[in-house]
Amino acid sequence: FSFGHWELLQRDNLPRHNRLEEVLGRSPRR
């Protein structure tokens, strides 16, 4: 846990466009 984490936890930290399936060609692991 760091100052950077404290900063990030206060706002959504999500991919604006999640490209994981595009790269993997499958659904991600759970």
PDB file of all heavy atoms in Angstrom:
ATOM      1  N   PHE A   1       0.846  -1.199   0.000  1.00  0.00           N
ATOM      2  CA  PHE A   1       0.000   0.000   0.000  1.00  0.00           C
ATOM      3  C   PHE A   1       0.877   1.244   0.000  1.00  0.00           C
ATOM      4  O   PHE A   1       1.743   1.412   0.844  1.00  0.00           O
ATOM      5  CB  PHE A   1      -0.922  -0.001   1.212  1.00  0.00           C
ATOM      6  CG  PHE A   1      -1.914   1.140   1.212  1.00  0.00           C
ATOM      7  CD1 PHE A   1      -2.856   1.253   0.203  1.00  0.00           C
ATOM      8  CD2 PHE A   1      -1.893   2.097   2.210  1.00  0.00           C
ATOM      9  CE1 PHE A   1      -3.769   2.298   0.188  1.00  0.00           C
ATOM     10  CE2 PHE A   1      -2.805   3.143   2.210  1.00  0.00           C
ATOM     11  CZ  PHE A   1      -3.745   3.248   1.200  1.00  0.00           C
ATOM     12  N   SER A   2       0.653   2.098  -0.983  1.00  0.00           N
ATOM     13  CA  SER A   2       1.493   3.272  -1.183  1.00  0.00           C
ATOM     14  C   SER A   2       0.632   4.494  -1.413  1.00  0.00           C
ATOM     15  O   SER A   2      -0.597   4.410  -1.559  1.00  0.00           O
ATOM     16  CB  SER A   2       2.416   3.058  -2.390  1.00  0.00           C
ATOM     17  OG  SER A   2       1.635   3.016  -3.585  1.00  0.00           O
ATOM     18  N   PHE A   3       1.282   5.664  -1.474  1.00  0.00           N
ATOM     19  CA  PHE A   3       0.566   6.894  -1.768  1.00  0.00           C
ATOM     20  C   PHE A   3      -0.090   6.813  -3.147  1.00  0.00           C
ATOM     21  O   PHE A   3      -1.211   7.281  -3.350  1.00  0.00           O
ATOM     22  CB  PHE A   3       1.511   8.092  -1.701  1.00  0.00           C
ATOM     23  CG  PHE A   3       0.854   9.403  -2.042  1.00  0.00           C
ATOM     24  CD1 PHE A   3      -0.145   9.919  -1.236  1.00  0.00           C
ATOM     25  CD2 PHE A   3       1.227  10.113  -3.169  1.00  0.00           C
ATOM     26  CE1 PHE A   3      -0.763  11.125  -1.551  1.00  0.00           C
ATOM     27  CE2 PHE A   3       0.622  11.317  -3.498  1.00  0.00           C
ATOM     28  CZ  PHE A   3      -0.384  11.828  -2.683  1.00  0.00           C
ATOM     29  N   GLY A   4       0.604   6.199  -4.099  1.00  0.00           N
ATOM     30  CA  GLY A   4       0.025   6.020  -5.421  1.00  0.00           C
ATOM     31  C   GLY A   4      -1.243   5.179  -5.373  1.00  0.00           C
ATOM     32  O   GLY A   4      -2.235   5.486  -6.043  1.00  0.00           O
ATOM     33  N   HIS A   5      -1.246   4.105  -4.581  1.00  0.00           N
ATOM     34  CA  HIS A   5      -2.445   3.281  -4.437  1.00  0.00           C
ATOM     35  C   HIS A   5      -3.572   4.073  -3.775  1.00  0.00           C
ATOM     36  O   HIS A   5      -4.733   3.980  -4.188  1.00  0.00           O
ATOM     37  CB  HIS A   5      -2.134   2.031  -3.600  1.00  0.00           C
ATOM     38  CG  HIS A   5      -1.298   1.021  -4.316  1.00  0.00           C
ATOM     39  ND1 HIS A   5      -0.056   0.647  -3.873  1.00  0.00           N
ATOM     40  CD2 HIS A   5      -1.514   0.317  -5.446  1.00  0.00           C
ATOM     41  CE1 HIS A   5       0.462  -0.251  -4.691  1.00  0.00           C
ATOM     42  NE2 HIS A   5      -0.399  -0.462  -5.659  1.00  0.00           N
ATOM     43  N   TRP A   6      -3.247   4.828  -2.741  1.00  0.00           N
ATOM     44  CA  TRP A   6      -4.262   5.644  -2.065  1.00  0.00           C
ATOM     45  C   TRP A   6      -4.915   6.587  -3.069  1.00  0.00           C
ATOM     46  O   TRP A   6      -6.140   6.777  -3.059  1.00  0.00           O
ATOM     47  CB  TRP A   6      -3.599   6.437  -0.935  1.00  0.00           C
ATOM     48  CG  TRP A   6      -4.512   7.430  -0.286  1.00  0.00           C
ATOM     49  CD1 TRP A   6      -5.428   7.193   0.705  1.00  0.00           C
ATOM     50  CD2 TRP A   6      -4.613   8.825  -0.594  1.00  0.00           C
ATOM     51  NE1 TRP A   6      -6.087   8.348   1.030  1.00  0.00           N
ATOM     52  CE2 TRP A   6      -5.605   9.374   0.255  1.00  0.00           C
ATOM     53  CE3 TRP A   6      -3.953   9.671  -1.482  1.00  0.00           C
ATOM     54  CZ2 TRP A   6      -5.957  10.729   0.222  1.00  0.00           C
ATOM     55  CZ3 TRP A   6      -4.297  11.011  -1.520  1.00  0.00           C
ATOM     56  CH2 TRP A   6      -5.289  11.532  -0.676  1.00  0.00           C
ATOM     57  N   GLU A   7      -4.104   7.140  -3.959  1.00  0.00           N
ATOM     58  CA  GLU A   7      -4.623   8.052  -4.969  1.00  0.00           C
ATOM     59  C   GLU A   7      -5.533   7.321  -5.960  1.00  0.00           C
ATOM     60  O   GLU A   7      -6.627   7.794  -6.301  1.00  0.00           O
ATOM     61  CB  GLU A   7      -3.448   8.707  -5.700  1.00  0.00           C
ATOM     62  CG  GLU A   7      -3.815   9.882  -6.568  1.00  0.00           C
ATOM     63  CD  GLU A   7      -2.588  10.594  -7.121  1.00  0.00           C
ATOM     64  OE1 GLU A   7      -1.455  10.174  -6.834  1.00  0.00           O
ATOM     65  OE2 GLU A   7      -2.785  11.577  -7.863  1.00  0.00           O
ATOM     66  N   LEU A   8      -5.099   6.146  -6.428  1.00  0.00           N
ATOM     67  CA  LEU A   8      -5.855   5.418  -7.436  1.00  0.00           C
ATOM     68  C   LEU A   8      -7.170   4.853  -6.903  1.00  0.00           C
ATOM     69  O   LEU A   8      -8.157   4.757  -7.640  1.00  0.00           O
ATOM     70  CB  LEU A   8      -5.005   4.273  -7.996  1.00  0.00           C
ATOM     71  CG  LEU A   8      -3.833   4.676  -8.886  1.00  0.00           C
ATOM     72  CD1 LEU A   8      -3.001   3.452  -9.247  1.00  0.00           C
ATOM     73  CD2 LEU A   8      -4.327   5.370 -10.152  1.00  0.00           C
ATOM     74  N   LEU A   9      -7.205   4.467  -5.621  1.00  0.00           N
ATOM     75  CA  LEU A   9      -8.399   3.845  -5.061  1.00  0.00           C
ATOM     76  C   LEU A   9      -9.580   4.812  -4.974  1.00  0.00           C
ATOM     77  O   LEU A   9     -10.722   4.376  -4.797  1.00  0.00           O
ATOM     78  CB  LEU A   9      -8.092   3.301  -3.658  1.00  0.00           C
ATOM     79  CG  LEU A   9      -7.252   2.019  -3.601  1.00  0.00           C
ATOM     80  CD1 LEU A   9      -6.841   1.720  -2.173  1.00  0.00           C
ATOM     81  CD2 LEU A   9      -8.021   0.847  -4.203  1.00  0.00           C
ATOM     82  N   GLN A  10      -9.320   6.092  -5.115  1.00  0.00           N
ATOM     83  CA  GLN A  10     -10.392   7.083  -4.972  1.00  0.00           C
ATOM     84  C   GLN A  10     -11.137   7.349  -6.278  1.00  0.00           C
ATOM     85  O   GLN A  10     -12.077   8.144  -6.302  1.00  0.00           O
ATOM     86  CB  GLN A  10      -9.809   8.391  -4.422  1.00  0.00           C
ATOM     87  CG  GLN A  10      -9.219   8.194  -3.031  1.00  0.00           C
ATOM     88  CD  GLN A  10      -8.589   9.459  -2.488  1.00  0.00           C
ATOM     89  OE1 GLN A  10      -9.284  10.409  -2.153  1.00  0.00           O
ATOM     90  NE2 GLN A  10      -7.271   9.482  -2.418  1.00  0.00           N
ATOM     91  N   ARG A  11     -10.735   6.685  -7.350  1.00  0.00           N
ATOM     92  CA  ARG A  11     -11.440   6.833  -8.626  1.00  0.00           C
ATOM     93  C   ARG A  11     -11.433   5.492  -9.346  1.00  0.00           C
ATOM     94  O   ARG A  11     -10.607   4.620  -9.050  1.00  0.00           O
ATOM     95  CB  ARG A  11     -10.774   7.910  -9.488  1.00  0.00           C
ATOM     96  CG  ARG A  11      -9.297   7.654  -9.797  1.00  0.00           C
ATOM     97  CD  ARG A  11      -8.736   8.770 -10.670  1.00  0.00           C
ATOM     98  NE  ARG A  11      -7.362   8.530 -11.097  1.00  0.00           N
ATOM     99  CZ  ARG A  11      -6.329   9.244 -10.721  1.00  0.00           C
ATOM    100  NH1 ARG A  11      -6.494  10.255  -9.898  1.00  0.00           N
ATOM    101  NH2 ARG A  11      -5.117   8.968 -11.180  1.00  0.00           N
ATOM    102  N   ASP A  12     -12.350   5.341 -10.288  1.00  0.00           N
ATOM    103  CA  ASP A  12     -12.370   4.110 -11.063  1.00  0.00           C
ATOM    104  C   ASP A  12     -11.033   3.924 -11.779  1.00  0.00           C
ATOM    105  O   ASP A  12     -10.485   4.871 -12.368  1.00  0.00           O
ATOM    106  CB  ASP A  12     -13.487   4.155 -12.105  1.00  0.00           C
ATOM    107  CG  ASP A  12     -14.856   3.879 -11.501  1.00  0.00           C
ATOM    108  OD1 ASP A  12     -14.915   3.463 -10.334  1.00  0.00           O
ATOM    109  OD2 ASP A  12     -15.872   4.094 -12.203  1.00  0.00           O
ATOM    110  N   ASN A  13     -10.505   2.711 -11.706  1.00  0.00           N
ATOM    111  CA  ASN A  13      -9.243   2.389 -12.371  1.00  0.00           C
ATOM    112  C   ASN A  13      -9.513   1.209 -13.309  1.00  0.00           C
ATOM    113  O   ASN A  13      -9.062   0.092 -13.094  1.00  0.00           O
ATOM    114  CB  ASN A  13      -8.176   2.045 -11.333  1.00  0.00           C
ATOM    115  CG  ASN A  13      -6.792   1.989 -11.923  1.00  0.00           C
ATOM    116  OD1 ASN A  13      -6.514   2.612 -12.948  1.00  0.00           O
ATOM    117  ND2 ASN A  13      -5.916   1.237 -11.300  1.00  0.00           N
ATOM    118  N   LEU A  14     -10.284   1.516 -14.355  1.00  0.00           N
ATOM    119  CA  LEU A  14     -10.759   0.497 -15.298  1.00  0.00           C
ATOM    120  C   LEU A  14     -10.238   0.792 -16.700  1.00  0.00           C
ATOM    121  O   LEU A  14      -9.989   1.961 -17.041  1.00  0.00           O
ATOM    122  CB  LEU A  14     -12.293   0.489 -15.339  1.00  0.00           C
ATOM    123  CG  LEU A  14     -13.026   0.287 -14.021  1.00  0.00           C
ATOM    124  CD1 LEU A  14     -14.513   0.542 -14.208  1.00  0.00           C
ATOM    125  CD2 LEU A  14     -12.793  -1.113 -13.489  1.00  0.00           C
ATOM    126  N   PRO A  15     -10.069  -0.236 -17.521  1.00  0.00           N
ATOM    127  CA  PRO A  15      -9.727   0.025 -18.924  1.00  0.00           C
ATOM    128  C   PRO A  15     -10.821   0.847 -19.599  1.00  0.00           C
ATOM    129  O   PRO A  15     -12.008   0.556 -19.452  1.00  0.00           O
ATOM    130  CB  PRO A  15      -9.635  -1.379 -19.536  1.00  0.00           C
ATOM    131  CG  PRO A  15      -9.448  -2.308 -18.376  1.00  0.00           C
ATOM    132  CD  PRO A  15     -10.176  -1.682 -17.233  1.00  0.00           C
ATOM    133  N   ARG A  16     -10.418   1.883 -20.318  1.00  0.00           N
ATOM    134  CA  ARG A  16     -11.407   2.656 -21.066  1.00  0.00           C
ATOM    135  C   ARG A  16     -12.010   1.790 -22.171  1.00  0.00           C
ATOM    136  O   ARG A  16     -13.191   1.901 -22.478  1.00  0.00           O
ATOM    137  CB  ARG A  16     -10.746   3.912 -21.643  1.00  0.00           C
ATOM    138  CG  ARG A  16     -10.431   4.970 -20.591  1.00  0.00           C
ATOM    139  CD  ARG A  16      -9.513   6.045 -21.118  1.00  0.00           C
ATOM    140  NE  ARG A  16      -8.168   5.527 -21.362  1.00  0.00           N
ATOM    141  CZ  ARG A  16      -7.129   6.291 -21.686  1.00  0.00           C
ATOM    142  NH1 ARG A  16      -7.279   7.609 -21.805  1.00  0.00           N
ATOM    143  NH2 ARG A  16      -5.933   5.756 -21.889  1.00  0.00           N
ATOM    144  N   HIS A  17     -11.187   0.960 -22.767  1.00  0.00           N
ATOM    145  CA  HIS A  17     -11.641  -0.039 -23.742  1.00  0.00           C
ATOM    146  C   HIS A  17     -10.818  -1.291 -23.487  1.00  0.00           C
ATOM    147  O   HIS A  17      -9.627  -1.331 -23.785  1.00  0.00           O
ATOM    148  CB  HIS A  17     -11.445   0.462 -25.175  1.00  0.00           C
ATOM    149  CG  HIS A  17     -11.711  -0.581 -26.222  1.00  0.00           C
ATOM    150  ND1 HIS A  17     -12.859  -1.350 -26.237  1.00  0.00           N
ATOM    151  CD2 HIS A  17     -10.971  -1.009 -27.282  1.00  0.00           C
ATOM    152  CE1 HIS A  17     -12.822  -2.187 -27.261  1.00  0.00           C
ATOM    153  NE2 HIS A  17     -11.692  -2.014 -27.910  1.00  0.00           N
ATOM    154  N   ASN A  18     -11.457  -2.284 -22.896  1.00  0.00           N
ATOM    155  CA  ASN A  18     -10.737  -3.487 -22.498  1.00  0.00           C
ATOM    156  C   ASN A  18     -10.440  -4.342 -23.732  1.00  0.00           C
ATOM    157  O   ASN A  18     -11.359  -4.884 -24.358  1.00  0.00           O
ATOM    158  CB  ASN A  18     -11.554  -4.281 -21.485  1.00  0.00           C
ATOM    159  CG  ASN A  18     -10.756  -5.384 -20.817  1.00  0.00           C
ATOM    160  OD1 ASN A  18      -9.625  -5.678 -21.201  1.00  0.00           O
ATOM    161  ND2 ASN A  18     -11.339  -5.989 -19.801  1.00  0.00           N
ATOM    162  N   ARG A  19      -9.165  -4.497 -24.052  1.00  0.00           N
ATOM    163  CA  ARG A  19      -8.780  -5.204 -25.273  1.00  0.00           C
ATOM    164  C   ARG A  19      -8.242  -6.611 -25.001  1.00  0.00           C
ATOM    165  O   ARG A  19      -7.625  -7.228 -25.871  1.00  0.00           O
ATOM    166  CB  ARG A  19      -7.733  -4.381 -26.035  1.00  0.00           C
ATOM    167  CG  ARG A  19      -8.221  -2.982 -26.385  1.00  0.00           C
ATOM    168  CD  ARG A  19      -7.220  -2.207 -27.206  1.00  0.00           C
ATOM    169  NE  ARG A  19      -7.074  -2.770 -28.553  1.00  0.00           N
ATOM    170  CZ  ARG A  19      -6.223  -2.284 -29.469  1.00  0.00           C
ATOM    171  NH1 ARG A  19      -5.466  -1.242 -29.180  1.00  0.00           N
ATOM    172  NH2 ARG A  19      -6.135  -2.849 -30.657  1.00  0.00           N
ATOM    173  N   LEU A  20      -8.496  -7.120 -23.798  1.00  0.00           N
ATOM    174  CA  LEU A  20      -7.918  -8.417 -23.438  1.00  0.00           C
ATOM    175  C   LEU A  20      -8.439  -9.544 -24.332  1.00  0.00           C
ATOM    176  O   LEU A  20      -7.660 -10.352 -24.848  1.00  0.00           O
ATOM    177  CB  LEU A  20      -8.196  -8.727 -21.970  1.00  0.00           C
ATOM    178  CG  LEU A  20      -7.560 -10.006 -21.433  1.00  0.00           C
ATOM    179  CD1 LEU A  20      -6.042  -9.966 -21.576  1.00  0.00           C
ATOM    180  CD2 LEU A  20      -7.934 -10.247 -19.981  1.00  0.00           C
ATOM    181  N   GLU A  21      -9.745  -9.612 -24.522  1.00  0.00           N
ATOM    182  CA  GLU A  21     -10.287 -10.679 -25.367  1.00  0.00           C
ATOM    183  C   GLU A  21      -9.811 -10.529 -26.807  1.00  0.00           C
ATOM    184  O   GLU A  21      -9.573 -11.532 -27.502  1.00  0.00           O
ATOM    185  CB  GLU A  21     -11.817 -10.673 -25.308  1.00  0.00           C
ATOM    186  CG  GLU A  21     -12.380 -11.234 -24.016  1.00  0.00           C
ATOM    187  CD  GLU A  21     -13.854 -11.569 -24.124  1.00  0.00           C
ATOM    188  OE1 GLU A  21     -14.308 -11.912 -25.238  1.00  0.00           O
ATOM    189  OE2 GLU A  21     -14.549 -11.495 -23.102  1.00  0.00           O
ATOM    190  N   GLU A  22      -9.668  -9.301 -27.267  1.00  0.00           N
ATOM    191  CA  GLU A  22      -9.178  -9.055 -28.619  1.00  0.00           C
ATOM    192  C   GLU A  22      -7.791  -9.650 -28.809  1.00  0.00           C
ATOM    193  O   GLU A  22      -7.478 -10.213 -29.864  1.00  0.00           O
ATOM    194  CB  GLU A  22      -9.141  -7.542 -28.860  1.00  0.00           C
ATOM    195  CG  GLU A  22      -8.580  -7.117 -30.211  1.00  0.00           C
ATOM    196  CD  GLU A  22      -8.435  -5.612 -30.311  1.00  0.00           C
ATOM    197  OE1 GLU A  22      -8.828  -4.891 -29.368  1.00  0.00           O
ATOM    198  OE2 GLU A  22      -7.906  -5.148 -31.339  1.00  0.00           O
ATOM    199  N   VAL A  23      -6.954  -9.546 -27.793  1.00  0.00           N
ATOM    200  CA  VAL A  23      -5.587 -10.057 -27.884  1.00  0.00           C
ATOM    201  C   VAL A  23      -5.537 -11.567 -27.667  1.00  0.00           C
ATOM    202  O   VAL A  23      -4.866 -12.295 -28.404  1.00  0.00           O
ATOM    203  CB  VAL A  23      -4.673  -9.344 -26.866  1.00  0.00           C
ATOM    204  CG1 VAL A  23      -3.265  -9.940 -26.895  1.00  0.00           C
ATOM    205  CG2 VAL A  23      -4.612  -7.849 -27.156  1.00  0.00           C
ATOM    206  N   LEU A  24      -6.279 -12.061 -26.669  1.00  0.00           N
ATOM    207  CA  LEU A  24      -6.222 -13.486 -26.326  1.00  0.00           C
ATOM    208  C   LEU A  24      -7.039 -14.352 -27.265  1.00  0.00           C
ATOM    209  O   LEU A  24      -6.738 -15.535 -27.448  1.00  0.00           O
ATOM    210  CB  LEU A  24      -6.707 -13.709 -24.889  1.00  0.00           C
ATOM    211  CG  LEU A  24      -5.886 -13.106 -23.755  1.00  0.00           C
ATOM    212  CD1 LEU A  24      -6.504 -13.491 -22.418  1.00  0.00           C
ATOM    213  CD2 LEU A  24      -4.433 -13.540 -23.822  1.00  0.00           C
ATOM    214  N   GLY A  25      -8.104 -13.811 -27.828  1.00  0.00           N
ATOM    215  CA  GLY A  25      -8.993 -14.622 -28.639  1.00  0.00           C
ATOM    216  C   GLY A  25      -9.870 -15.536 -27.816  1.00  0.00           C
ATOM    217  O   GLY A  25     -10.411 -16.521 -28.325  1.00  0.00           O
ATOM    218  N   ARG A  26     -10.045 -15.214 -26.546  1.00  0.00           N
ATOM    219  CA  ARG A  26     -10.883 -16.005 -25.644  1.00  0.00           C
ATOM    220  C   ARG A  26     -11.252 -15.128 -24.458  1.00  0.00           C
ATOM    221  O   ARG A  26     -10.718 -14.025 -24.281  1.00  0.00           O
ATOM    222  CB  ARG A  26     -10.140 -17.248 -25.137  1.00  0.00           C
ATOM    223  CG  ARG A  26      -8.857 -16.936 -24.393  1.00  0.00           C
ATOM    224  CD  ARG A  26      -8.295 -18.160 -23.667  1.00  0.00           C
ATOM    225  NE  ARG A  26      -6.990 -17.902 -23.079  1.00  0.00           N
ATOM    226  CZ  ARG A  26      -6.782 -17.287 -21.930  1.00  0.00           C
ATOM    227  NH1 ARG A  26      -7.815 -16.825 -21.225  1.00  0.00           N
ATOM    228  NH2 ARG A  26      -5.572 -17.106 -21.468  1.00  0.00           N
ATOM    229  N   SER A  27     -12.154 -15.633 -23.630  1.00  0.00           N
ATOM    230  CA  SER A  27     -12.508 -14.920 -22.407  1.00  0.00           C
ATOM    231  C   SER A  27     -11.373 -15.042 -21.392  1.00  0.00           C
ATOM    232  O   SER A  27     -10.664 -16.060 -21.362  1.00  0.00           O
ATOM    233  CB  SER A  27     -13.799 -15.495 -21.805  1.00  0.00           C
ATOM    234  OG  SER A  27     -14.885 -15.304 -22.677  1.00  0.00           O
ATOM    235  N   PRO A  28     -11.199 -14.047 -20.556  1.00  0.00           N
ATOM    236  CA  PRO A  28     -10.135 -14.131 -19.544  1.00  0.00           C
ATOM    237  C   PRO A  28     -10.481 -15.114 -18.439  1.00  0.00           C
ATOM    238  O   PRO A  28     -11.643 -15.499 -18.267  1.00  0.00           O
ATOM    239  CB  PRO A  28     -10.057 -12.703 -18.994  1.00  0.00           C
ATOM    240  CG  PRO A  28     -11.416 -12.134 -19.229  1.00  0.00           C
ATOM    241  CD  PRO A  28     -11.906 -12.756 -20.508  1.00  0.00           C
ATOM    242  N   ARG A  29      -9.473 -15.543 -17.733  1.00  0.00           N
ATOM    243  CA  ARG A  29      -9.683 -16.389 -16.571  1.00  0.00           C
ATOM    244  C   ARG A  29     -10.453 -15.617 -15.502  1.00  0.00           C
ATOM    245  O   ARG A  29     -10.359 -14.398 -15.402  1.00  0.00           O
ATOM    246  CB  ARG A  29      -8.345 -16.845 -15.979  1.00  0.00           C
ATOM    247  CG  ARG A  29      -7.541 -17.802 -16.853  1.00  0.00           C
ATOM    248  CD  ARG A  29      -6.202 -18.079 -16.189  1.00  0.00           C
ATOM    249  NE  ARG A  29      -5.455 -19.130 -16.841  1.00  0.00           N
ATOM    250  CZ  ARG A  29      -4.596 -18.945 -17.841  1.00  0.00           C
ATOM    251  NH1 ARG A  29      -4.403 -17.714 -18.322  1.00  0.00           N
ATOM    252  NH2 ARG A  29      -3.937 -19.958 -18.378  1.00  0.00           N
ATOM    253  N   ARG A  30     -11.158 -16.363 -14.665  1.00  0.00           N
ATOM    254  CA  ARG A  30     -11.847 -15.765 -13.528  1.00  0.00           C
ATOM    255  C   ARG A  30     -10.818 -15.425 -12.459  1.00  0.00           C
ATOM    256  O   ARG A  30     -10.018 -16.269 -12.061  1.00  0.00           O
ATOM    257  CB  ARG A  30     -12.885 -16.740 -12.977  1.00  0.00           C
ATOM    258  CG  ARG A  30     -13.634 -16.223 -11.744  1.00  0.00           C
ATOM    259  CD  ARG A  30     -14.701 -17.219 -11.321  1.00  0.00           C
ATOM    260  NE  ARG A  30     -14.121 -18.489 -10.912  1.00  0.00           N
ATOM    261  CZ  ARG A  30     -13.685 -18.741  -9.677  1.00  0.00           C
ATOM    262  NH1 ARG A  30     -13.736 -17.805  -8.750  1.00  0.00           N
ATOM    263  NH2 ARG A  30     -13.204 -19.933  -9.380  1.00  0.00           N
TER     264      ARG A  30
END
